Amino acid sequence: MESLGSLHLGKIVVAGVLALAGLMTTGVGISNAATLQTEGTCPSRAACYAAGPGVKATTAGNWNDFWCVPDHAAPGSWRLVLAN
């Protein structure tokens, strides 16, 4: 009977270690989260995607990805968003 109790305790310890490892991994992911910058407004989605590959960021950084989102401040326009 004593071996069943120690087996249960072992499962609890293993579960705790796995939970701690998961929390540590989450912290690493959050600390490496991408930085975003909006870079201008375009009159259409097509114009935004056309401008994306050649855009020059106004701030220094390794801006290696972009996408376009609707501009809520100017209905019908699109915002170019850069990420590093």
Protein backbone atom coordinates (compact mmCIF):
# COMPACT_ATOMS: atom_id res chain seq x y z
CA MET A 1 0.00 0.00 0.00
CA GLU A 2 2.88 2.34 0.75
CA SER A 3 4.19 1.93 -2.81
CA LEU A 4 0.88 3.25 -4.21
CA GLY A 5 1.24 6.40 -2.10
CA SER A 6 4.77 7.04 -3.29
CA LEU A 7 3.65 6.41 -6.89
CA HIS A 8 0.93 9.04 -6.48
CA LEU A 9 3.44 11.49 -4.99
CA GLY A 10 5.80 10.82 -7.91
CA LYS A 11 3.03 11.68 -10.40
CA ILE A 12 2.38 14.95 -8.58
CA VAL A 13 6.08 15.87 -8.67
CA VAL A 14 6.33 15.05 -12.39
CA ALA A 15 3.19 17.11 -13.11
CA GLY A 16 4.66 20.04 -11.19
CA VAL A 17 7.94 19.85 -13.11
CA LEU A 18 6.08 19.77 -16.44
CA ALA A 19 3.93 22.73 -15.43
CA LEU A 20 7.02 24.73 -14.45
CA ALA A 21 8.71 23.87 -17.75
CA GLY A 22 5.61 25.07 -19.62
CA LEU A 23 5.62 28.38 -17.76
CA MET A 24 9.32 28.89 -18.47
CA THR A 25 8.75 28.24 -22.19
CA THR A 26 5.88 30.75 -22.25
CA GLY A 27 8.15 33.40 -20.74
CA VAL A 28 10.76 32.86 -23.45
CA GLY A 29 8.09 33.18 -26.16
CA ILE A 30 6.75 36.42 -24.72
CA SER A 31 10.21 37.94 -24.31
CA ASN A 32 10.90 37.29 -28.01
CA ALA A 33 7.60 38.74 -29.23
CA ALA A 34 7.77 40.77 -32.43
CA THR A 35 7.86 44.55 -32.43
CA LEU A 36 5.27 46.23 -34.66
CA GLN A 37 5.31 49.54 -36.49
CA THR A 38 2.69 51.08 -38.73
CA GLU A 39 4.15 52.73 -41.79
CA GLY A 40 1.65 54.82 -43.71
CA THR A 41 -1.86 54.63 -45.07
CA CYS A 42 -2.77 53.31 -48.52
CA PRO A 43 -5.95 54.03 -50.51
CA SER A 44 -6.68 50.33 -51.16
CA ARG A 45 -5.67 46.88 -50.03
CA ALA A 46 -3.96 46.22 -53.37
CA ALA A 47 -1.92 49.42 -53.05
CA CYS A 48 -0.92 48.47 -49.53
CA TYR A 49 0.35 45.03 -50.58
CA ALA A 50 2.14 46.56 -53.55
CA ALA A 51 3.93 49.05 -51.29
CA GLY A 52 4.90 46.49 -48.63
CA PRO A 53 8.03 44.87 -50.11
CA GLY A 54 9.77 48.16 -50.88
CA VAL A 55 8.76 50.23 -47.86
CA LYS A 56 11.50 52.00 -45.91
CA ALA A 57 10.87 52.08 -42.17
CA THR A 58 11.15 55.43 -40.40
CA THR A 59 12.86 53.76 -37.43
CA ALA A 60 15.93 51.53 -37.40
CA GLY A 61 15.37 47.81 -37.09
CA ASN A 62 15.24 44.54 -38.92
CA TRP A 63 11.78 45.01 -40.44
CA ASN A 64 11.46 41.74 -42.33
CA ASP A 65 7.70 41.16 -42.51
CA PHE A 66 4.63 43.21 -43.34
CA TRP A 67 0.87 42.93 -43.66
CA CYS A 68 -2.05 45.25 -44.32
CA VAL A 69 -4.98 45.97 -42.01
CA PRO A 70 -8.04 48.19 -42.43
CA ASP A 71 -7.45 51.72 -41.10
CA HIS A 72 -10.27 52.44 -38.65
CA ALA A 73 -9.33 56.13 -38.50
CA ALA A 74 -9.83 56.52 -42.27
CA PRO A 75 -12.59 54.21 -43.56
CA GLY A 76 -11.70 52.63 -46.89
CA SER A 77 -7.95 53.03 -46.33
CA TRP A 78 -5.41 50.40 -45.32
CA ARG A 79 -2.48 50.61 -42.87
CA LEU A 80 0.86 48.99 -43.66
CA VAL A 81 2.16 47.19 -40.56
CA LEU A 82 5.81 46.15 -40.27
CA ALA A 83 7.17 43.50 -37.90
CA ASN A 84 10.65 42.35 -36.98
